[in-house]
Protein backbone atom coordinates (compact mmCIF):
# COMPACT_ATOMS: atom_id res chain seq x y z
CA UNK A 1 -210.07 67.79 61.01
CA UNK A 2 -209.62 69.40 57.61
CA UNK A 3 -208.22 66.76 55.26
CA UNK A 4 -207.29 69.49 52.73
CA UNK A 5 -205.08 71.30 55.24
CA UNK A 6 -201.44 70.19 54.61
CA UNK A 7 -200.65 70.93 58.26
CA UNK A 8 -203.37 68.56 59.49
CA UNK A 9 -202.24 65.23 61.03
CA UNK A 10 -202.76 62.06 58.98
CA UNK A 11 -205.03 60.50 61.59
CA UNK A 12 -202.91 57.34 61.68
CA UNK A 13 -202.85 55.99 65.23
CA UNK A 14 -199.78 54.71 67.04
CA UNK A 15 -200.06 50.93 67.44
CA UNK A 16 -199.45 49.38 70.82
CA UNK A 17 -196.39 47.20 70.19
CA UNK A 18 -196.45 43.80 71.92
CA UNK A 19 -193.58 42.97 74.25
CA UNK A 20 -192.33 40.24 71.90
CA UNK A 21 -191.99 42.72 69.03
CA UNK A 22 -190.24 45.29 71.23
CA UNK A 23 -187.82 42.60 72.42
CA UNK A 24 -187.15 41.41 68.85
CA UNK A 25 -186.28 44.94 67.68
CA UNK A 26 -184.07 45.46 70.75
CA UNK A 27 -182.20 42.16 70.33
CA UNK A 28 -181.67 42.42 66.56
CA UNK A 29 -180.15 45.89 67.01
CA UNK A 30 -177.80 44.38 69.62
CA UNK A 31 -179.59 46.14 72.48
CA UNK A 32 -178.23 49.51 71.39
CA UNK A 33 -179.83 52.83 70.53
CA UNK A 34 -179.75 53.24 66.77
CA UNK A 35 -179.10 56.99 67.10
CA UNK A 36 -176.35 57.06 69.75
CA UNK A 37 -174.97 53.52 69.81
CA UNK A 38 -175.46 53.38 73.59
CA UNK A 39 -176.52 50.14 75.26
CA UNK A 40 -180.14 50.21 76.45
CA UNK A 41 -181.65 48.26 79.32
CA UNK A 42 -184.96 46.71 78.31
CA UNK A 43 -186.65 48.67 81.11
CA UNK A 44 -185.41 51.89 79.45
CA UNK A 45 -186.31 50.82 75.91
CA UNK A 46 -188.59 52.85 73.66
CA UNK A 47 -189.37 52.18 70.02
CA UNK A 48 -189.03 55.24 67.81
CA UNK A 49 -190.90 55.97 64.60
CA UNK A 50 -188.22 57.32 62.24
CA UNK A 51 -190.91 59.16 60.31
CA UNK A 52 -193.06 60.54 63.16
CA UNK A 53 -196.47 58.98 63.60
CA UNK A 54 -197.73 62.57 64.09
CA UNK A 55 -196.50 63.71 60.66
CA UNK A 56 -198.80 66.06 58.79
CA UNK A 57 -200.55 65.08 55.60
CA UNK A 58 -198.49 67.68 53.72
CA UNK A 59 -195.13 66.38 54.95
CA UNK A 60 -196.16 62.78 54.32
CA UNK A 61 -197.15 63.63 50.75
CA UNK A 62 -193.86 65.49 50.27
CA UNK A 63 -191.79 62.50 51.43
CA UNK A 64 -193.65 60.24 49.01
CA UNK A 65 -193.32 62.78 46.19
CA UNK A 66 -189.57 63.07 46.81
CA UNK A 67 -189.24 59.26 46.89
CA UNK A 68 -187.95 59.23 50.47
CA UNK A 69 -190.64 56.66 51.26
CA UNK A 70 -192.88 54.55 49.05
CA UNK A 71 -196.54 55.20 48.37
CA UNK A 72 -197.48 52.19 50.53
CA UNK A 73 -195.14 53.10 53.41
CA UNK A 74 -196.50 51.92 56.77
CA UNK A 75 -195.75 54.36 59.57
CA UNK A 76 -196.23 51.52 62.08
CA UNK A 77 -194.25 49.00 60.02
CA UNK A 78 -190.87 47.47 60.83
CA UNK A 79 -189.20 49.63 58.18
CA UNK A 80 -189.98 52.66 60.35
CA UNK A 81 -189.12 51.37 63.82
CA UNK A 82 -185.81 51.69 65.68
CA UNK A 83 -184.79 51.19 69.32
CA UNK A 84 -183.91 54.19 71.45
CA UNK A 85 -183.75 55.20 75.11
CA UNK A 86 -187.07 56.22 76.62
CA UNK A 87 -186.05 59.67 77.87
CA UNK A 88 -184.46 60.46 74.49
CA UNK A 89 -187.60 59.54 72.61
CA UNK A 90 -189.78 61.40 75.08
CA UNK A 91 -187.82 64.60 74.63
CA UNK A 92 -187.49 64.24 70.84
CA UNK A 93 -189.21 66.81 68.71
CA UNK A 94 -191.99 65.52 66.47
CA UNK A 95 -190.56 67.51 63.60
CA UNK A 96 -189.67 65.57 60.47
CA UNK A 97 -185.92 65.08 60.13
CA UNK A 98 -183.94 66.27 57.12
CA UNK A 99 -184.17 64.03 54.07
CA UNK A 100 -180.56 62.84 54.33
CA UNK A 101 -181.06 61.85 57.98
CA UNK A 102 -184.34 60.09 57.21
CA UNK A 103 -182.76 58.12 54.37
CA UNK A 104 -179.91 56.98 56.65
CA UNK A 105 -182.06 55.78 59.55
CA UNK A 106 -184.85 54.36 57.38
CA UNK A 107 -182.18 52.29 55.62
CA UNK A 108 -180.99 50.95 59.02
CA UNK A 109 -184.55 50.00 59.93
CA UNK A 110 -185.11 48.31 56.55
CA UNK A 111 -181.83 46.37 56.74
CA UNK A 112 -182.90 44.86 60.07
CA UNK A 113 -186.62 44.35 59.39
CA UNK A 114 -186.35 40.78 58.05
CA UNK A 115 -184.21 39.72 61.02
CA UNK A 116 -186.71 41.35 63.39
CA UNK A 117 -189.57 39.43 61.77
CA UNK A 118 -187.66 36.15 62.03
CA UNK A 119 -186.79 36.80 65.69
CA UNK A 120 -190.42 37.67 66.39
CA UNK A 121 -191.64 34.45 64.77
CA UNK A 122 -189.19 32.38 66.82
CA UNK A 123 -190.24 34.19 69.99
CA UNK A 124 -193.93 33.54 69.33
CA UNK A 125 -193.24 29.87 68.51
CA UNK A 126 -191.18 29.47 71.68
CA UNK A 127 -193.95 30.98 73.78
CA UNK A 128 -196.53 28.65 72.26
CA UNK A 129 -194.25 25.65 72.74
CA UNK A 130 -193.61 26.62 76.35
CA UNK A 131 -197.35 26.91 76.95
CA UNK A 132 -197.89 23.52 75.32
CA UNK A 133 -195.08 21.96 77.36
CA UNK A 134 -196.55 23.24 80.62
CA UNK A 135 -199.92 21.83 79.61
CA UNK A 136 -198.34 18.48 78.74
CA UNK A 137 -196.47 18.40 82.06
CA UNK A 138 -199.61 19.20 84.02
CA UNK A 139 -201.57 16.47 82.24
CA UNK A 140 -198.76 13.95 82.66
CA UNK A 141 -198.54 14.78 86.37
CA UNK A 142 -202.26 14.03 86.66
CA UNK A 143 -201.83 10.80 84.62
CA UNK A 144 -204.07 12.12 81.83
CA UNK A 145 -201.38 11.17 79.31
CA UNK A 146 -199.43 7.95 79.09
CA UNK A 147 -195.67 7.80 78.54
CA UNK A 148 -196.00 7.13 74.79
CA UNK A 149 -198.18 10.23 74.34
CA UNK A 150 -195.61 12.43 76.07
CA UNK A 151 -192.74 10.96 74.04
CA UNK A 152 -194.62 11.42 70.76
CA UNK A 153 -195.36 15.04 71.57
CA UNK A 154 -191.70 15.74 72.33
CA UNK A 155 -190.61 13.89 69.19
CA UNK A 156 -192.93 15.98 67.06
CA UNK A 157 -191.40 19.15 68.48
CA UNK A 158 -188.10 17.74 67.15
CA UNK A 159 -189.56 17.10 63.68
CA UNK A 160 -190.54 13.42 64.06
CA UNK A 161 -194.17 12.38 63.49
CA UNK A 162 -195.83 9.18 64.72
CA UNK A 163 -197.52 7.27 61.88
CA UNK A 164 -200.54 5.05 62.46
CA UNK A 165 -200.05 3.47 59.02
CA UNK A 166 -196.60 2.37 57.86
CA UNK A 167 -195.79 3.35 54.26
CA UNK A 168 -196.48 0.52 51.82
CA UNK A 169 -193.21 1.07 50.01
CA UNK A 170 -190.02 -0.92 49.65
CA UNK A 171 -188.02 0.02 52.74
CA UNK A 172 -190.94 1.70 54.49
CA UNK A 173 -192.78 -1.28 55.95
CA UNK A 174 -191.45 -0.89 59.50
CA UNK A 175 -191.42 2.92 59.74
CA UNK A 176 -193.63 4.33 62.49
CA UNK A 177 -191.69 7.53 63.26
CA UNK A 178 -190.80 9.73 60.34
CA UNK A 179 -189.31 13.13 59.49
CA UNK A 180 -190.06 15.31 56.47
CA UNK A 181 -186.60 14.48 55.06
CA UNK A 182 -187.24 10.73 55.25
CA UNK A 183 -190.69 11.23 53.72
CA UNK A 184 -189.10 12.99 50.72
CA UNK A 185 -186.68 10.07 50.34
CA UNK A 186 -189.52 7.55 50.36
CA UNK A 187 -191.36 9.39 47.59
CA UNK A 188 -189.15 7.64 44.99
CA UNK A 189 -189.13 4.19 46.64
CA UNK A 190 -191.02 1.44 44.73
CA UNK A 191 -194.60 0.65 45.72
CA UNK A 192 -195.29 -2.39 47.90
CA UNK A 193 -199.06 -1.95 48.12
CA UNK A 194 -201.59 -4.41 49.47
CA UNK A 195 -199.12 -6.10 51.77
CA UNK A 196 -196.34 -6.02 49.21
CA UNK A 197 -198.05 -7.76 46.32
CA UNK A 198 -198.73 -4.68 44.15
CA UNK A 199 -195.76 -2.77 42.76
CA UNK A 200 -197.48 -0.43 40.30
CA UNK A 201 -200.68 1.52 39.60
CA UNK A 202 -202.11 1.86 36.08
CA UNK A 203 -203.80 5.17 35.22
CA UNK A 204 -205.04 6.51 31.92
CA UNK A 205 -206.09 9.71 30.18
CA UNK A 206 -209.31 10.40 28.31
CA UNK A 207 -207.80 8.96 25.11
CA UNK A 208 -207.18 5.65 26.88
CA UNK A 209 -203.39 6.02 26.94
CA UNK A 210 -202.06 4.24 30.00
CA UNK A 211 -199.37 5.40 32.41
CA UNK A 212 -197.74 3.00 34.86
CA UNK A 213 -196.79 4.56 38.22
CA UNK A 214 -194.26 2.67 40.33
CA UNK A 215 -193.64 5.19 43.12
CA UNK A 216 -195.24 8.19 44.84
CA UNK A 217 -193.46 10.80 42.76
CA UNK A 218 -194.76 9.27 39.54
CA UNK A 219 -198.24 8.81 41.00
CA UNK A 220 -198.56 12.44 42.16
CA UNK A 221 -197.34 13.66 38.76
CA UNK A 222 -200.03 11.51 37.11
CA UNK A 223 -202.66 12.93 39.45
CA UNK A 224 -201.61 16.46 38.52
CA UNK A 225 -202.08 15.53 34.85
CA UNK A 226 -205.66 14.45 35.61
CA UNK A 227 -205.13 10.74 34.91
CA UNK A 228 -207.63 8.32 36.39
CA UNK A 229 -208.17 4.63 37.15
CA UNK A 230 -210.33 2.59 34.80
CA UNK A 231 -211.12 -0.83 36.27
CA UNK A 232 -212.28 -1.60 39.79
CA UNK A 233 -208.91 -3.22 40.50
CA UNK A 234 -207.13 -0.10 39.30
CA UNK A 235 -209.43 2.02 41.47
CA UNK A 236 -208.52 -0.09 44.51
CA UNK A 237 -204.82 0.32 43.71
CA UNK A 238 -205.38 4.04 43.20
CA UNK A 239 -206.84 4.33 46.70
CA UNK A 240 -203.92 2.49 48.28
CA UNK A 241 -201.41 4.63 46.41
CA UNK A 242 -203.26 7.81 47.31
CA UNK A 243 -203.19 6.86 50.99
CA UNK A 244 -199.42 6.40 50.97
CA UNK A 245 -198.53 9.31 48.69
CA UNK A 246 -200.92 11.73 50.36
CA UNK A 247 -199.58 10.80 53.77
CA UNK A 248 -195.94 11.34 52.75
CA UNK A 249 -196.61 14.61 50.93
CA UNK A 250 -198.56 16.01 53.91
CA UNK A 251 -195.60 15.34 56.20
CA UNK A 252 -193.94 18.26 54.43
CA UNK A 253 -196.51 20.53 56.11
CA UNK A 254 -196.74 18.71 59.45
CA UNK A 255 -195.72 20.71 62.53
CA UNK A 256 -196.11 20.32 66.25
CA UNK A 257 -199.42 21.90 67.29
CA UNK A 258 -199.09 23.99 70.46
CA UNK A 259 -202.88 24.08 70.75
CA UNK A 260 -205.14 21.04 70.66
CA UNK A 261 -208.69 20.12 71.62
CA UNK A 262 -207.86 16.52 70.70
CA UNK A 263 -205.06 15.89 73.17
CA UNK A 264 -206.47 16.20 76.72
CA UNK A 265 -208.00 13.66 76.81
CA UNK A 266 -206.94 12.16 73.50
CA UNK A 267 -209.75 11.95 70.96
CA UNK A 268 -209.64 8.86 68.75
CA UNK A 269 -211.99 7.00 66.43
CA UNK A 270 -213.58 5.40 69.47
CA UNK A 271 -214.99 8.82 70.41
CA UNK A 272 -217.69 9.02 67.75
CA UNK A 273 -219.43 11.76 69.72
CA UNK A 274 -216.61 14.03 68.51
CA UNK A 275 -216.87 13.09 64.82
CA UNK A 276 -219.34 15.05 62.72
CA UNK A 277 -222.22 13.26 61.03
CA UNK A 278 -221.02 15.01 57.84
CA UNK A 279 -218.64 12.07 57.33
CA UNK A 280 -221.63 9.74 56.98
CA UNK A 281 -223.67 12.28 55.01
CA UNK A 282 -221.05 12.07 52.25
CA UNK A 283 -221.77 8.34 51.64
CA UNK A 284 -225.56 8.54 52.16
CA UNK A 285 -227.47 7.75 48.98
CA UNK A 286 -231.04 8.43 47.81
CA UNK A 287 -231.10 11.43 50.12
CA UNK A 288 -234.65 12.48 51.01
CA UNK A 289 -234.64 16.22 51.66
CA UNK A 290 -237.49 16.01 54.17
CA UNK A 291 -236.86 12.79 56.09
CA UNK A 292 -233.06 12.57 55.78
CA UNK A 293 -232.65 16.33 56.05
CA UNK A 294 -234.45 16.27 59.40
CA UNK A 295 -232.27 13.34 60.53
CA UNK A 296 -228.97 15.09 59.83
CA UNK A 297 -230.22 18.38 61.25
CA UNK A 298 -230.97 16.51 64.46
CA UNK A 299 -227.88 14.27 64.48
CA UNK A 300 -224.73 16.36 64.63
CA UNK A 301 -222.34 13.48 65.32
CA UNK A 302 -221.83 9.90 64.20
CA UNK A 303 -222.74 8.83 67.74
CA UNK A 304 -226.08 10.64 67.32
CA UNK A 305 -226.77 8.67 64.12
CA UNK A 306 -225.95 5.42 65.91
CA UNK A 307 -228.37 6.33 68.72
CA UNK A 308 -231.07 6.65 66.05
CA UNK A 309 -230.14 3.15 64.79
CA UNK A 310 -229.35 4.51 61.33
CA UNK A 311 -225.71 3.35 61.39
CA UNK A 312 -223.96 0.17 62.45
CA UNK A 313 -220.31 0.01 63.50
CA UNK A 314 -218.80 -3.17 62.06
CA UNK A 315 -215.17 -2.59 63.07
CA UNK A 316 -213.59 -0.19 65.54
CA UNK A 317 -210.41 0.54 67.43
CA UNK A 318 -208.63 3.77 68.35
CA UNK A 319 -207.24 4.37 64.87
CA UNK A 320 -209.87 2.88 62.56
CA UNK A 321 -213.63 2.59 62.33
CA UNK A 322 -215.90 1.02 59.72
CA UNK A 323 -219.50 2.20 59.63
CA UNK A 324 -222.36 0.91 57.49
CA UNK A 325 -225.40 3.22 57.31
CA UNK A 326 -228.89 2.01 56.50
CA UNK A 327 -228.90 4.05 53.29
CA UNK A 328 -225.57 4.36 51.56
CA UNK A 329 -222.13 2.99 51.11
CA UNK A 330 -219.92 1.73 53.89
CA UNK A 331 -217.44 4.19 55.38
CA UNK A 332 -214.04 3.39 56.83
CA UNK A 333 -211.99 6.13 58.50
CA UNK A 334 -208.34 5.42 59.30
CA UNK A 335 -206.05 7.81 61.15
CA UNK A 336 -202.68 8.29 59.44
CA UNK A 337 -201.11 10.87 61.76
CA UNK A 338 -201.95 14.05 63.66
CA UNK A 339 -200.20 17.43 63.58
CA UNK A 340 -200.73 21.07 62.70
CA UNK A 341 -201.38 20.62 58.98
CA UNK A 342 -202.44 24.13 57.93
CA UNK A 343 -200.06 26.30 59.98
CA UNK A 344 -202.74 27.64 62.31
CA UNK A 345 -201.05 26.31 65.46
CA UNK A 346 -203.87 23.84 66.11
CA UNK A 347 -203.92 20.06 65.80
CA UNK A 348 -205.70 18.24 62.99
CA UNK A 349 -205.84 14.55 62.02
CA UNK A 350 -204.92 13.23 58.58
CA UNK A 351 -207.48 10.59 57.64
CA UNK A 352 -207.76 7.98 54.90
CA UNK A 353 -211.45 8.09 53.98
CA UNK A 354 -212.61 4.89 52.26
CA UNK A 355 -216.07 4.44 50.74
CA UNK A 356 -217.01 0.85 49.96
CA UNK A 357 -219.95 -1.30 48.93
CA UNK A 358 -220.71 -3.63 51.89
CA UNK A 359 -221.90 -6.44 49.61
CA UNK A 360 -219.75 -5.69 46.58
CA UNK A 361 -216.23 -4.95 45.36
CA UNK A 362 -216.47 -1.17 44.96
CA UNK A 363 -213.84 0.65 47.05
CA UNK A 364 -212.90 4.31 46.59
CA UNK A 365 -210.53 6.04 48.98
CA UNK A 366 -209.00 9.47 49.41
CA UNK A 367 -206.99 11.50 51.90
CA UNK A 368 -208.92 13.98 54.06
CA UNK A 369 -208.18 16.26 56.99
CA UNK A 370 -210.31 15.98 60.14
CA UNK A 371 -210.36 19.52 61.53
CA UNK A 372 -212.04 20.56 64.78
CA UNK A 373 -214.69 23.26 64.38
CA UNK A 374 -215.51 25.91 66.96
CA UNK A 375 -217.30 23.27 69.04
CA UNK A 376 -214.42 20.79 68.89
CA UNK A 377 -216.31 18.59 66.42
CA UNK A 378 -214.13 16.90 63.78
CA UNK A 379 -215.31 17.97 60.33
CA UNK A 380 -214.16 16.55 56.95
CA UNK A 381 -211.98 19.03 55.06
CA UNK A 382 -209.94 18.91 51.87
CA UNK A 383 -206.17 18.88 52.25
CA UNK A 384 -204.56 22.35 52.52
C-alpha cells in the first residue's frame, strides 16, 4: 500500500463491537435508525460509521483540514457510530458524505456518546453482578456460604459494607454496617479512641509546633501537611486514629466486587497459607542476605514460615492475628472490611497493620490493602 497515494485506504481496521455496546447504542437512540427514524429490531441492527472506516488517507486529511473532524478523531469511536438497519448499511456506498451531512450526523453521534458510555457501563456492571449472584446462589445451595455471608454480599451491592472494627468515634461505637454517606458524616465526629478514653491526637511539625486533632477530618488534614507524632504515646494515638480515619476514607472507594478469590471458601486470617510472607518480611530486622534471603525465597507464605519454626502465632481468630518472628518486631494484622477498593472488579481486604515490640511499648500502625496476586496470595499494598 502506498502511503503517499491520497486514494489509498488508511489501514484502520473495523473493530468488532461487543453485543453490550451495540445494545447501548441502539437503546440510547430509542431503537431507531438515525438516518430514517424507523424502529429497528435488534436482530436487524447494524452500527454505521458516519465517516466510513474505508475512507482514503486523502479524504481523511481533507476532513481534518476543513475542521469537520478533529486531528485525534477515532473512526471506531462513539462519536462516529450510529444505529441503522442492516440491509440499509449493507447497501450504503462507502463514499464520504457531503460536509453538511457529515456535520449533522456526527453531531447526533456526539450528543449521544456520553449516554451510550453510561448505558454501556451499567450493562457491564449488571452482567458482572448477575454472574456474581449466580455464583453466590450456587455456593449457598451447596452450603459453602452461611446466611450472614449471603446477606453481607447483598447489602454491599446496595452500598452497605460490613465492618470488622467499629469506628472509635462518638456515635460510631455500635456501627457494624455502614454506607459511604454515613462514613462522611462520621469524619467530623469527635474521637473516642482506646475504648473511649482518648479524645484527641497531638501532632507536630519540624519546628515543634503542635496541632491537636479531635476528629478524622482534622487528622487527615494534618497528615496531608506532613505532621508527625513525637512521643511513644502520641505514636500509639496516631496509629489508632489512622486505623479509624483510613477505614472511613476508604469506604468512599468501596464497591461490591463481582469477582473474588477470597469468597468461596472465605479466606480469613486463619488461612495463613494464603497470606504472603512479605507481611513478615517487613518487620524482620537484621536481615542476612544469604541466610534470611534463602528463607524468604523458600517460604512464600506465613504458614511456610511457621512450618520452619521462624514465627510464632500468639493470637488468632478469623479477623485478627498476632505473629512474633524470631528476628524482628511483632506483627498484628486486623481486617477492617473487604470490598473492591481499586475499581478493578475484584475483592481486596482493608487491613490495619500494626508493628510492635513484644517486650516493649513501641507500637506503630498503618492502613494497608491486602490484594490477591495472580496466585491468589494476599500481598501487602499501599492504599489506592
